[in-house]
Protein backbone atom coordinates (compact mmCIF):
# COMPACT_ATOMS: atom_id res chain seq x y z
CA UNK A 1 23.32 -6.66 19.04
CA UNK A 2 20.80 -7.83 16.41
CA UNK A 3 18.72 -9.60 19.02
CA UNK A 4 18.93 -6.60 21.31
CA UNK A 5 17.76 -4.31 18.51
CA UNK A 6 14.81 -6.60 17.84
CA UNK A 7 13.85 -6.50 21.51
CA UNK A 8 14.05 -2.70 21.60
CA UNK A 9 11.99 -2.53 18.42
CA UNK A 10 9.26 -4.63 20.02
CA UNK A 11 9.19 -2.35 23.08
CA UNK A 12 9.02 0.70 20.84
CA UNK A 13 5.99 -0.80 19.07
CA UNK A 14 4.30 -1.56 22.38
CA UNK A 15 4.81 2.01 23.56
CA UNK A 16 3.47 3.26 20.21
CA UNK A 17 0.43 1.05 20.63
CA UNK A 18 -0.24 2.51 24.09
CA UNK A 19 0.14 6.09 22.79
CA UNK A 20 -2.23 5.56 19.87
CA UNK A 21 -4.75 3.77 22.12
CA UNK A 22 -4.69 6.73 24.51
CA UNK A 23 -5.32 9.11 21.60
CA UNK A 24 -8.31 7.04 20.49
CA UNK A 25 -9.66 6.99 24.05
CA UNK A 26 -9.38 10.77 24.25
CA UNK A 27 -11.30 11.19 21.02
CA UNK A 28 -13.89 8.65 22.14
CA UNK A 29 -14.96 11.17 24.78
CA UNK A 30 -16.84 12.82 21.91
CA UNK A 31 -18.80 9.93 20.34
CA UNK A 32 -19.80 12.02 17.34
CA UNK A 33 -16.19 12.32 16.22
CA UNK A 34 -14.95 8.91 17.32
CA UNK A 35 -13.54 7.33 14.14
CA UNK A 36 -14.95 3.82 14.49
CA UNK A 37 -15.65 2.11 11.19
CA UNK A 38 -19.29 1.13 10.87
CA UNK A 39 -20.73 -1.57 8.67
CA UNK A 40 -21.58 -0.13 5.26
CA UNK A 41 -23.21 -3.10 3.53
CA UNK A 42 -26.53 -1.34 3.07
CA UNK A 43 -25.05 1.88 1.72
CA UNK A 44 -21.65 1.44 0.08
CA UNK A 45 -19.99 4.68 -0.97
CA UNK A 46 -19.40 5.40 -4.65
CA UNK A 47 -15.74 5.74 -5.53
CA UNK A 48 -16.38 9.19 -7.03
CA UNK A 49 -17.47 10.60 -3.66
CA UNK A 50 -14.14 9.71 -2.10
CA UNK A 51 -12.09 10.87 -5.07
CA UNK A 52 -13.29 14.41 -4.31
CA UNK A 53 -10.98 14.45 -1.26
CA UNK A 54 -7.94 15.23 -3.40
CA UNK A 55 -9.63 18.44 -4.62
CA UNK A 56 -10.30 19.67 -1.06
CA UNK A 57 -7.32 21.52 0.39
CA UNK A 58 -8.01 21.81 4.12
CA UNK A 59 -8.72 19.21 6.80
CA UNK A 60 -11.98 20.82 7.92
CA UNK A 61 -13.63 20.57 4.50
CA UNK A 62 -12.39 16.99 4.10
CA UNK A 63 -13.82 16.11 7.49
CA UNK A 64 -17.21 17.60 6.60
CA UNK A 65 -17.21 15.74 3.30
CA UNK A 66 -16.45 12.42 5.03
CA UNK A 67 -19.25 13.02 7.53
CA UNK A 68 -21.65 13.60 4.66
CA UNK A 69 -20.77 10.46 2.68
CA UNK A 70 -19.54 8.03 5.37
CA UNK A 71 -16.34 5.95 5.34
CA UNK A 72 -14.36 5.70 2.11
CA UNK A 73 -12.71 2.41 3.13
CA UNK A 74 -14.96 -0.46 4.15
CA UNK A 75 -12.30 -2.63 5.81
CA UNK A 76 -11.08 -2.21 9.35
CA UNK A 77 -12.48 -1.17 12.70
CA UNK A 78 -11.25 2.43 12.48
CA UNK A 79 -12.10 5.07 9.91
CA UNK A 80 -8.55 6.35 9.49
CA UNK A 81 -9.48 9.21 7.18
CA UNK A 82 -11.95 10.62 9.69
CA UNK A 83 -9.42 10.04 12.45
CA UNK A 84 -6.89 12.19 10.60
CA UNK A 85 -9.03 14.92 9.04
CA UNK A 86 -11.48 15.46 11.91
CA UNK A 87 -9.00 15.49 14.79
CA UNK A 88 -5.72 16.92 13.50
CA UNK A 89 -6.80 20.04 11.64
CA UNK A 90 -4.08 22.13 13.26
CA UNK A 91 -1.52 19.32 13.60
CA UNK A 92 -1.47 17.37 10.32
CA UNK A 93 2.10 16.14 10.79
CA UNK A 94 1.25 14.68 14.19
CA UNK A 95 -1.74 12.81 12.78
CA UNK A 96 0.29 11.39 9.90
CA UNK A 97 3.07 10.40 12.31
CA UNK A 98 0.58 8.49 14.48
CA UNK A 99 -0.74 6.67 11.41
CA UNK A 100 2.83 5.74 10.49
CA UNK A 101 3.45 4.36 14.00
CA UNK A 102 0.22 2.38 13.77
CA UNK A 103 1.37 1.01 10.40
CA UNK A 104 4.52 -0.38 12.09
CA UNK A 105 2.43 -1.88 14.88
CA UNK A 106 0.11 -3.60 12.41
CA UNK A 107 3.01 -5.03 10.41
CA UNK A 108 4.45 -6.42 13.62
CA UNK A 109 1.12 -7.86 14.75
CA UNK A 110 0.50 -9.50 11.38
CA UNK A 111 3.93 -11.11 11.15
CA UNK A 112 4.32 -11.99 14.83
CA UNK A 113 0.87 -13.56 15.12
CA UNK A 114 1.52 -15.64 12.02
CA UNK A 115 4.92 -16.84 13.23
CA UNK A 116 4.32 -17.19 16.97
CA UNK A 117 0.78 -18.61 17.00
CA UNK A 118 -0.47 -19.55 13.54
CA UNK A 119 2.64 -21.47 12.47
CA UNK A 120 2.93 -23.28 15.80
CA UNK A 121 -0.69 -24.45 15.57
CA UNK A 122 -0.22 -25.65 12.02
CA UNK A 123 3.01 -27.47 12.78
CA UNK A 124 1.48 -29.19 15.81
CA UNK A 125 -1.56 -30.17 13.73
CA UNK A 126 0.65 -31.68 11.04
CA UNK A 127 2.47 -33.76 13.66
CA UNK A 128 -0.74 -34.87 15.36
CA UNK A 129 -2.31 -35.85 12.02
CA UNK A 130 0.93 -37.67 11.12
CA UNK A 131 1.21 -36.00 7.73
CA UNK A 132 4.21 -36.86 5.60
CA UNK A 133 6.90 -34.16 5.47
CA UNK A 134 6.10 -33.45 1.82
CA UNK A 135 2.35 -33.05 2.27
CA UNK A 136 2.79 -31.03 5.46
CA UNK A 137 5.38 -28.83 3.77
CA UNK A 138 3.25 -27.85 0.81
CA UNK A 139 -0.06 -27.58 2.70
CA UNK A 140 -0.25 -26.70 6.39
CA UNK A 141 3.26 -25.35 6.88
CA UNK A 142 3.15 -23.44 3.61
CA UNK A 143 -0.03 -21.84 4.88
CA UNK A 144 1.86 -20.81 7.99
CA UNK A 145 4.67 -19.20 6.01
CA UNK A 146 2.29 -17.43 3.65
CA UNK A 147 -0.31 -16.41 6.23
CA UNK A 148 0.31 -12.63 5.98
CA UNK A 149 -0.15 -12.70 2.19
CA UNK A 150 -3.14 -15.03 2.43
CA UNK A 151 -5.05 -12.80 4.83
CA UNK A 152 -4.01 -9.51 3.25
CA UNK A 153 -5.23 -10.77 -0.12
CA UNK A 154 -8.41 -12.21 1.35
CA UNK A 155 -9.25 -8.95 3.13
CA UNK A 156 -8.71 -6.85 0.03
CA UNK A 157 -10.96 -9.09 -2.09
CA UNK A 158 -13.69 -9.41 0.52
CA UNK A 159 -14.18 -5.64 0.80
CA UNK A 160 -17.85 -4.82 0.49
CA UNK A 161 -17.39 -2.26 -2.27
CA UNK A 162 -14.94 -4.35 -4.27
CA UNK A 163 -12.67 -1.36 -4.61
CA UNK A 164 -9.50 -2.92 -3.24
CA UNK A 165 -9.00 -5.86 -5.59
CA UNK A 166 -5.93 -4.10 -6.92
CA UNK A 167 -4.39 -4.06 -3.43
CA UNK A 168 -4.65 -7.84 -3.12
CA UNK A 169 -3.36 -8.49 -6.63
CA UNK A 170 -0.42 -6.13 -6.28
CA UNK A 171 0.45 -7.45 -2.83
CA UNK A 172 0.69 -11.03 -4.07
CA UNK A 173 2.58 -10.09 -7.24
CA UNK A 174 4.81 -7.65 -5.35
CA UNK A 175 5.68 -10.26 -2.74
CA UNK A 176 6.47 -12.89 -5.36
CA UNK A 177 8.60 -10.40 -7.31
CA UNK A 178 10.50 -9.29 -4.19
CA UNK A 179 11.26 -12.82 -2.98
CA UNK A 180 12.19 -14.32 -6.35
CA UNK A 181 14.41 -11.38 -7.34
CA UNK A 182 15.68 -9.52 -4.27
CA UNK A 183 16.02 -12.46 -1.87
CA UNK A 184 17.46 -14.79 -4.50
CA UNK A 185 19.72 -11.99 -5.71
CA UNK A 186 21.10 -11.30 -2.23
CA UNK A 187 21.70 -15.01 -1.60
CA UNK A 188 23.49 -15.36 -4.94
CA UNK A 189 25.77 -12.39 -4.24
CA UNK A 190 26.62 -13.52 -0.70
CA UNK A 191 27.38 -17.10 -1.77
CA UNK A 192 29.07 -16.48 -5.12
CA UNK A 193 32.45 -17.59 -3.73
CA UNK A 194 31.13 -20.64 -1.88
CA UNK A 195 30.72 -22.81 -5.02
CA UNK A 196 27.15 -23.69 -4.10
CA UNK A 197 25.29 -25.69 -6.75
CA UNK A 198 21.50 -25.89 -7.00
CA UNK A 199 19.67 -29.09 -7.82
CA UNK A 200 18.75 -28.71 -11.47
CA UNK A 201 15.60 -30.83 -11.66
CA UNK A 202 13.93 -29.30 -8.61
CA UNK A 203 14.86 -25.79 -9.74
CA UNK A 204 13.46 -26.28 -13.24
CA UNK A 205 10.34 -27.88 -11.79
CA UNK A 206 9.59 -24.84 -9.64
CA UNK A 207 10.54 -22.25 -12.28
CA UNK A 208 8.45 -23.87 -15.03
CA UNK A 209 5.43 -24.27 -12.77
CA UNK A 210 5.81 -20.68 -11.58
CA UNK A 211 5.82 -19.46 -15.18
CA UNK A 212 2.65 -21.46 -15.84
CA UNK A 213 1.02 -19.84 -12.81
CA UNK A 214 1.95 -16.37 -14.07
CA UNK A 215 0.54 -17.22 -17.51
CA UNK A 216 -2.75 -18.28 -15.88
CA UNK A 217 -2.88 -15.04 -13.92
CA UNK A 218 -2.24 -12.99 -17.06
CA UNK A 219 -5.15 -14.75 -18.80
CA UNK A 220 -7.44 -13.77 -15.89
CA UNK A 221 -6.25 -10.15 -15.97
CA UNK A 222 -6.61 -9.82 -19.73
CA UNK A 223 -10.07 -11.40 -19.67
CA UNK A 224 -11.03 -8.88 -16.98
CA UNK A 225 -13.43 -11.06 -15.01
CA UNK A 226 -13.70 -14.48 -13.43
CA UNK A 227 -16.55 -16.64 -12.16
CA UNK A 228 -16.68 -19.22 -9.39
CA UNK A 229 -15.70 -22.14 -11.61
CA UNK A 230 -12.68 -20.28 -12.95
CA UNK A 231 -11.61 -19.26 -9.45
CA UNK A 232 -11.84 -22.84 -8.23
CA UNK A 233 -9.83 -23.98 -11.24
CA UNK A 234 -7.11 -21.41 -10.57
CA UNK A 235 -6.92 -22.33 -6.88
CA UNK A 236 -6.87 -26.05 -7.75
CA UNK A 237 -3.61 -25.60 -9.61
CA UNK A 238 -1.94 -25.71 -6.23
CA UNK A 239 -3.22 -29.26 -5.75
CA UNK A 240 -1.47 -30.11 -9.01
CA UNK A 241 1.74 -28.59 -7.66
CA UNK A 242 1.41 -30.59 -4.44
CA UNK A 243 1.08 -33.81 -6.44
CA UNK A 244 4.08 -32.93 -8.63
CA UNK A 245 6.24 -32.11 -5.62
CA UNK A 246 5.18 -35.30 -3.84
CA UNK A 247 5.91 -37.47 -6.84
CA UNK A 248 9.29 -35.83 -7.28
CA UNK A 249 10.09 -36.22 -3.58
CA UNK A 250 8.92 -39.84 -3.66
CA UNK A 251 10.48 -41.04 -6.91
CA UNK A 252 12.63 -38.38 -8.55
CA UNK A 253 15.39 -37.39 -6.11
CA UNK A 254 18.51 -39.04 -7.42
CA UNK A 255 21.13 -36.36 -7.84
CA UNK A 256 20.76 -34.90 -4.34
CA UNK A 257 19.66 -36.20 -0.96
CA UNK A 258 17.44 -33.21 -0.56
CA UNK A 259 13.92 -32.69 0.62
CA UNK A 260 12.60 -29.52 -1.01
CA UNK A 261 9.86 -29.25 1.56
CA UNK A 262 12.30 -29.05 4.43
CA UNK A 263 12.17 -25.30 3.83
CA UNK A 264 8.86 -25.25 5.54
CA UNK A 265 10.00 -27.39 8.45
CA UNK A 266 12.94 -25.08 8.98
CA UNK A 267 11.79 -21.57 8.28
CA UNK A 268 8.27 -22.00 9.62
CA UNK A 269 9.83 -22.01 13.07
CA UNK A 270 11.81 -18.80 12.46
CA UNK A 271 9.67 -15.85 13.51
CA UNK A 272 9.87 -12.63 11.56
CA UNK A 273 11.42 -10.75 14.45
CA UNK A 274 13.04 -13.80 16.11
CA UNK A 275 10.63 -13.68 19.01
CA UNK A 276 11.37 -17.31 19.93
CA UNK A 277 14.55 -16.03 21.53
CA UNK A 278 12.81 -13.39 23.61
CA UNK A 279 13.70 -15.08 26.87
CA UNK A 280 17.41 -14.94 26.11
CA UNK A 281 17.09 -11.40 24.80
CA UNK A 282 15.35 -10.27 27.97
CA UNK A 283 17.99 -11.86 30.16
CA UNK A 284 20.69 -10.00 28.26
CA UNK A 285 18.74 -6.72 28.32
CA UNK A 286 18.06 -7.15 32.01
CA UNK A 287 21.72 -7.74 32.75
CA UNK A 288 22.77 -4.66 30.79
CA UNK A 289 20.00 -2.32 31.96
CA UNK A 290 19.93 -3.44 35.58
CA UNK A 291 23.62 -4.08 36.20
CA UNK A 292 23.90 -1.79 39.20
CA UNK A 293 24.99 -2.08 42.78
CA UNK A 294 21.44 -1.71 43.96
CA UNK A 295 19.40 -4.27 45.82
CA UNK A 296 17.74 -7.34 44.35
CA UNK A 297 14.42 -5.54 44.77
CA UNK A 298 15.59 -2.85 42.37
CA UNK A 299 16.60 -5.45 39.83
CA UNK A 300 13.25 -7.16 40.24
CA UNK A 301 11.43 -3.87 39.63
CA UNK A 302 13.52 -3.34 36.52
CA UNK A 303 12.50 -6.75 35.23
CA UNK A 304 8.85 -5.99 35.92
CA UNK A 305 9.16 -2.72 34.02
CA UNK A 306 10.55 -4.52 30.98
CA UNK A 307 7.72 -7.06 31.08
CA UNK A 308 5.12 -4.32 31.52
CA UNK A 309 6.38 -2.47 28.44
CA UNK A 310 5.97 -5.61 26.32
CA UNK A 311 2.54 -6.41 27.74
CA UNK A 312 0.08 -4.36 25.61
CA UNK A 313 0.55 -6.21 22.31
CA UNK A 314 1.15 -9.66 23.78
CA UNK A 315 -1.50 -9.90 26.47
CA UNK A 316 -4.68 -9.62 24.31
CA UNK A 317 -3.46 -12.39 22.01
CA UNK A 318 -2.15 -14.53 24.87
CA UNK A 319 -5.53 -14.33 26.63
CA UNK A 320 -7.54 -15.36 23.56
CA UNK A 321 -5.33 -17.84 21.64
CA UNK A 322 -5.03 -21.31 23.25
CA UNK A 323 -1.40 -22.47 23.27
CA UNK A 324 -0.41 -26.04 24.19
CA UNK A 325 3.33 -25.80 23.60
CA UNK A 326 5.57 -27.43 26.20
CA UNK A 327 7.68 -24.29 26.55
CA UNK A 328 4.76 -21.83 26.71
CA UNK A 329 2.25 -23.82 28.74
CA UNK A 330 0.52 -22.00 31.59
CA UNK A 331 -2.69 -23.32 33.10
CA UNK A 332 -4.07 -19.91 34.18
CA UNK A 333 -3.44 -18.53 30.69
CA UNK A 334 -5.01 -21.64 29.13
CA UNK A 335 -8.14 -21.22 31.24
CA UNK A 336 -8.32 -17.52 30.38
CA UNK A 337 -7.88 -18.13 26.64
CA UNK A 338 -10.61 -20.80 26.67
CA UNK A 339 -12.93 -18.33 28.40
CA UNK A 340 -12.23 -15.19 26.38
CA UNK A 341 -11.88 -16.72 22.89
CA UNK A 342 -15.65 -17.33 22.36
CA UNK A 343 -16.40 -13.85 23.75
CA UNK A 344 -13.99 -12.28 21.26
CA UNK A 345 -15.56 -14.21 18.39
CA UNK A 346 -19.02 -13.08 19.51
CA UNK A 347 -17.84 -9.46 19.63
CA UNK A 348 -16.42 -9.69 16.11
CA UNK A 349 -19.65 -11.28 14.85
CA UNK A 350 -21.70 -8.48 16.36
CA UNK A 351 -19.42 -5.84 14.85
CA UNK A 352 -19.75 -7.46 11.42
CA UNK A 353 -23.55 -7.49 11.76
CA UNK A 354 -23.87 -3.93 13.07
CA UNK A 355 -26.08 -1.82 10.85
CA UNK A 356 -27.93 -4.84 9.46
CA UNK A 357 -30.76 -4.79 11.98
CA UNK A 358 -29.59 -8.07 13.52
CA UNK A 359 -30.15 -8.71 17.24
CA UNK A 360 -26.66 -8.99 18.72
CA UNK A 361 -27.65 -10.03 22.26
CA UNK A 362 -27.96 -13.70 21.25
CA UNK A 363 -24.38 -13.85 19.98
CA UNK A 364 -23.06 -12.30 23.20
CA UNK A 365 -25.12 -14.74 25.25
CA UNK A 366 -23.81 -17.74 23.33
CA UNK A 367 -20.25 -16.45 23.49
CA UNK A 368 -20.35 -15.87 27.25
CA UNK A 369 -22.00 -19.24 27.88
CA UNK A 370 -19.43 -21.12 25.80
CA UNK A 371 -16.61 -19.15 27.41
CA UNK A 372 -17.73 -20.07 30.93
CA UNK A 373 -18.18 -23.75 30.02
CA UNK A 374 -14.84 -24.04 28.21
CA UNK A 375 -13.03 -22.16 30.97
CA UNK A 376 -14.47 -24.49 33.60
CA UNK A 377 -13.50 -27.58 31.59
CA UNK A 378 -9.99 -26.24 31.01
CA UNK A 379 -9.59 -25.60 34.73
CA UNK A 380 -10.86 -29.04 35.71
CA UNK A 381 -9.17 -31.17 33.05
CA UNK A 382 -5.67 -29.66 32.71
CA UNK A 383 -2.55 -29.82 34.86
CA UNK A 384 -0.34 -26.97 36.02
CA UNK A 385 2.95 -28.41 34.77
CA UNK A 386 2.11 -29.99 31.39
CA UNK A 387 -0.16 -29.21 28.45
CA UNK A 388 -3.12 -31.57 27.93
CA UNK A 389 -2.63 -34.90 26.20
CA UNK A 390 -6.30 -35.76 25.88
CA UNK A 391 -8.47 -33.76 23.50
CA UNK A 392 -5.28 -32.30 22.05
CA UNK A 393 -6.86 -31.97 18.60
CA UNK A 394 -9.59 -29.70 19.98
CA UNK A 395 -6.99 -27.50 21.68
CA UNK A 396 -4.98 -27.24 18.45
CA UNK A 397 -8.09 -26.44 16.41
CA UNK A 398 -8.95 -23.72 18.91
CA UNK A 399 -5.45 -22.29 18.66
CA UNK A 400 -5.64 -22.46 14.86
CA UNK A 401 -9.01 -20.69 14.71
CA UNK A 402 -8.06 -17.92 17.12
CA UNK A 403 -4.62 -17.30 15.61
CA UNK A 404 -6.32 -17.14 12.22
CA UNK A 405 -8.81 -14.65 13.69
CA UNK A 406 -6.06 -12.37 15.00
CA UNK A 407 -4.11 -12.63 11.75
CA UNK A 408 -7.23 -11.69 9.80
CA UNK A 409 -7.90 -8.72 12.12
CA UNK A 410 -4.34 -7.45 11.65
CA UNK A 411 -4.50 -7.90 7.89
CA UNK A 412 -7.88 -6.16 7.74
CA UNK A 413 -6.58 -3.11 9.59
CA UNK A 414 -3.38 -3.08 7.54
CA UNK A 415 -5.23 -3.05 4.21
CA UNK A 416 -7.63 -0.39 5.52
CA UNK A 417 -4.77 1.82 6.69
CA UNK A 418 -2.79 1.44 3.45
CA UNK A 419 -5.87 2.24 1.39
CA UNK A 420 -6.51 5.30 3.56
CA UNK A 421 -2.90 6.44 3.20
CA UNK A 422 -3.39 6.20 -0.54
CA UNK A 423 -6.16 8.81 -0.26
CA UNK A 424 -4.10 10.98 2.11
CA UNK A 425 -0.97 11.16 -0.04
CA UNK A 426 -2.60 10.77 -3.45
CA UNK A 427 -0.89 7.43 -4.09
CA UNK A 428 -2.73 4.54 -5.66
CA UNK A 429 -3.41 1.81 -3.08
CA UNK A 430 -2.12 -0.69 -5.63
CA UNK A 431 1.29 1.00 -5.47
CA UNK A 432 1.31 0.65 -1.69
CA UNK A 433 0.30 -2.99 -2.02
CA UNK A 434 3.08 -3.65 -4.53
CA UNK A 435 5.71 -2.01 -2.35
CA UNK A 436 4.98 -1.34 1.33
CA UNK A 437 2.62 -4.25 2.03
CA UNK A 438 4.60 -6.68 -0.13
CA UNK A 439 7.87 -5.67 1.56
CA UNK A 440 6.38 -6.01 5.01
CA UNK A 441 4.93 -9.43 4.31
CA UNK A 442 8.18 -10.61 2.69
CA UNK A 443 10.43 -9.51 5.54
CA UNK A 444 10.25 -12.98 7.09
CA UNK A 445 11.31 -14.63 3.81
CA UNK A 446 14.25 -12.26 3.52
CA UNK A 447 15.50 -12.90 7.04
CA UNK A 448 14.94 -16.65 7.20
CA UNK A 449 16.08 -17.59 3.70
CA UNK A 450 19.23 -15.46 3.77
CA UNK A 451 20.11 -16.71 7.25
CA UNK A 452 19.52 -20.30 6.21
CA UNK A 453 21.65 -19.88 3.09
CA UNK A 454 24.55 -18.34 5.01
CA UNK A 455 24.62 -20.72 7.95
CA UNK A 456 23.11 -23.94 6.62
CA UNK A 457 25.88 -24.99 4.24
CA UNK A 458 25.07 -26.45 0.85
CA UNK A 459 21.77 -27.94 2.02
CA UNK A 460 20.77 -24.64 3.64
CA UNK A 461 21.37 -22.75 0.39
CA UNK A 462 19.46 -25.44 -1.48
CA UNK A 463 16.54 -25.11 0.91
CA UNK A 464 16.60 -21.29 0.80
CA UNK A 465 16.55 -21.06 -3.01
CA UNK A 466 13.73 -23.59 -3.22
CA UNK A 467 11.78 -21.60 -0.66
CA UNK A 468 12.13 -18.45 -2.75
CA UNK A 469 10.11 -20.11 -5.53
CA UNK A 470 7.83 -22.53 -3.65
CA UNK A 471 6.61 -19.73 -1.35
CA UNK A 472 5.48 -17.35 -4.13
CA UNK A 473 3.79 -20.26 -5.95
CA UNK A 474 1.78 -20.96 -2.82
CA UNK A 475 0.93 -17.30 -2.25
CA UNK A 476 -0.18 -16.77 -5.83
CA UNK A 477 -2.29 -19.89 -6.20
CA UNK A 478 -3.61 -20.35 -2.68
CA UNK A 479 -3.76 -16.83 -1.25
CA UNK A 480 -5.06 -15.24 -4.43
CA UNK A 481 -7.06 -18.33 -5.37
CA UNK A 482 -8.93 -18.49 -2.06
CA UNK A 483 -9.63 -14.76 -2.32
CA UNK A 484 -11.08 -15.19 -5.81
CA UNK A 485 -13.18 -18.16 -4.70
CA UNK A 486 -14.57 -16.21 -1.73
CA UNK A 487 -15.39 -13.17 -3.86
CA UNK A 488 -17.07 -15.13 -6.66
CA UNK A 489 -18.97 -17.30 -4.18
CA UNK A 490 -20.69 -14.23 -2.75
CA UNK A 491 -22.09 -13.14 -6.12
CA UNK A 492 -22.49 -16.54 -7.84
CA UNK A 493 -23.55 -17.14 -10.63
CA UNK A 494 -22.28 -13.77 -11.88
CA UNK A 495 -18.58 -12.96 -12.29
CA UNK A 496 -16.43 -10.43 -10.48
CA UNK A 497 -14.86 -7.75 -12.64
CA UNK A 498 -11.12 -7.24 -12.19
CA UNK A 499 -10.07 -3.82 -13.50
CA UNK A 500 -7.24 -3.98 -16.00
CA UNK A 501 -4.05 -2.38 -14.72
CA UNK A 502 -1.27 -2.06 -17.30
CA UNK A 503 1.16 -1.45 -14.42
CA UNK A 504 0.31 -4.86 -12.96
CA UNK A 505 1.03 -6.53 -16.28
CA UNK A 506 4.33 -4.65 -16.36
CA UNK A 507 5.21 -6.05 -12.94
CA UNK A 508 4.37 -9.55 -14.12
CA UNK A 509 6.55 -8.97 -17.18
CA UNK A 510 9.50 -7.97 -14.98
CA UNK A 511 8.82 -10.99 -12.77
CA UNK A 512 9.03 -13.27 -15.82
CA UNK A 513 12.26 -11.51 -16.81
CA UNK A 514 13.68 -12.25 -13.36
CA UNK A 515 12.73 -15.91 -13.53
CA UNK A 516 14.17 -16.15 -17.04
CA UNK A 517 17.42 -14.48 -15.99
CA UNK A 518 17.83 -16.89 -13.06
CA UNK A 519 17.13 -19.89 -15.29
CA UNK A 520 19.58 -18.81 -18.00
CA UNK A 521 22.39 -17.86 -15.63
CA UNK A 522 22.13 -20.99 -13.52
CA UNK A 523 21.99 -23.39 -16.45
CA UNK A 524 24.89 -21.64 -18.19
CA UNK A 525 26.92 -21.67 -14.98
CA UNK A 526 26.26 -25.37 -14.29
CA UNK A 527 23.72 -24.54 -11.58
CA UNK A 528 26.24 -22.57 -9.52
CA UNK A 529 25.16 -19.38 -7.79
CA UNK A 530 27.05 -16.36 -9.08
CA UNK A 531 27.37 -12.67 -8.34
CA UNK A 532 26.39 -11.79 -11.91
CA UNK A 533 23.11 -13.62 -11.47
CA UNK A 534 22.40 -11.84 -8.19
CA UNK A 535 23.25 -8.38 -9.51
CA UNK A 536 21.09 -8.96 -12.57
CA UNK A 537 18.10 -9.91 -10.41
CA UNK A 538 18.50 -6.79 -8.29
CA UNK A 539 18.79 -4.62 -11.40
CA UNK A 540 15.57 -6.09 -12.80
CA UNK A 541 13.74 -5.39 -9.54
CA UNK A 542 15.08 -1.83 -9.25
CA UNK A 543 14.20 -1.16 -12.90
CA UNK A 544 10.60 -2.20 -12.26
CA UNK A 545 10.45 -0.15 -9.08
CA UNK A 546 11.89 2.92 -10.83
CA UNK A 547 9.39 2.64 -13.66
CA UNK A 548 6.49 2.43 -11.22
CA UNK A 549 7.86 5.43 -9.29
CA UNK A 550 8.07 7.52 -12.47
CA UNK A 551 4.50 6.54 -13.39
CA UNK A 552 3.28 7.50 -9.91
CA UNK A 553 4.94 10.92 -10.08
CA UNK A 554 3.50 11.50 -13.55
CA UNK A 555 -0.01 10.59 -12.38
CA UNK A 556 0.18 12.85 -9.33
CA UNK A 557 1.33 15.81 -11.44
CA UNK A 558 -1.84 15.71 -13.56
């Protein structure tokens, strides 16, 4: 029933996508009110102009204010605040409900694109480049696992007004806190009677390095600003971690025959919504939904209906992301993706340059020319039955670039929508990043690590626990580090200012408490997972969440 529920959930999201798209098309009939986000590089909006929204009590006045100042959120293709306030004056609940549906769609797109396309490209690249399991695990495949956090953080830091740094910081910290406390806590509670022991040296290695990473982040937050050199130094700490893990894997594994990086080889294949089993799910759904005494034509129509419902979200990505997997190979789709991928990139380039006075016709011309050439080559040089063997690296690079593009688009819209919802409901975007965005991005870790711990025996539990610490280390150093490097690079040689948030330091303090609790309980219990350890981790997380909730209510009451 779990697989069936996942399949129904995907269909529900596709239907939601169609509904919201129809609403946008209806509003596009009046171009003046169509809520498309325009480039605001030349005239970024002051934060004070947007803060006035909370003092305006009706949708009409908020709409007029937004028209006078322009978009309040500079990420995303859609101006969600204008979409809500200018089109749902008499139906506010309906507008908010549509935004909530779109939030679910974006979470699905972000996670599914990362797991179904991005991870597959990275794994195939690691095999083609013949990387060792350790290096692949802590580089390419870690990037696949942490892709949602990487792109969500990058988008929030690359905002043109610099007003969403707190979203990126809280998303990374919130995700690390959730995985290291909630996921580890659940695993500990579920396995407390299985007498599972964790490898001490590997556990202490990850915990101690994680604490050092948190200390480095606290120094940055307390200092309040960082320049390019500091950002590169912070990001480079991950290279140090890679070397430490490799040396340990190469020389230090004596107590256990255990490869800590096997977490990436295992869970990188497990999609967030288990979409790799869609074929089997559809067969089961088809049998249940179409089990009638009707003709074979009726059953065939039923199958077509199911496929049509799942088409809206899958088709655009399928037609623009080259896939060379044995199980997913299709020559017509490969030719189409080779043709449309450059055109999509040209369209995104033109959108990014809109409002800058840049001639966009050249980009479209180049994109169409490259698309025609690549489509012709794909048609002439590939077979119907098997993916290409020659020029495989170019195909994989194309799949990597386009899956990265779609993941970035999804993350950009997700951050824009969450920031807009913060304005709508009077909630700080940092709170939404710490909770909603962090939970959504960590859903895959929860599913895969708990499943691996329950069904993988002692080694599976070992792998799952290691993943709960190696993943957050990667997300903090690489995702946040790359974001800091990109932001400081744009304004070099000056530094970016990171506003001090006491609440963020509180979250880091609770995170340290969780890591300390796990270290103390495991070492006292001879590295055996226990229910007391798991309950304690959940209590620490809930205490932090309750404190932040109380602070949010107190702020909104003033």
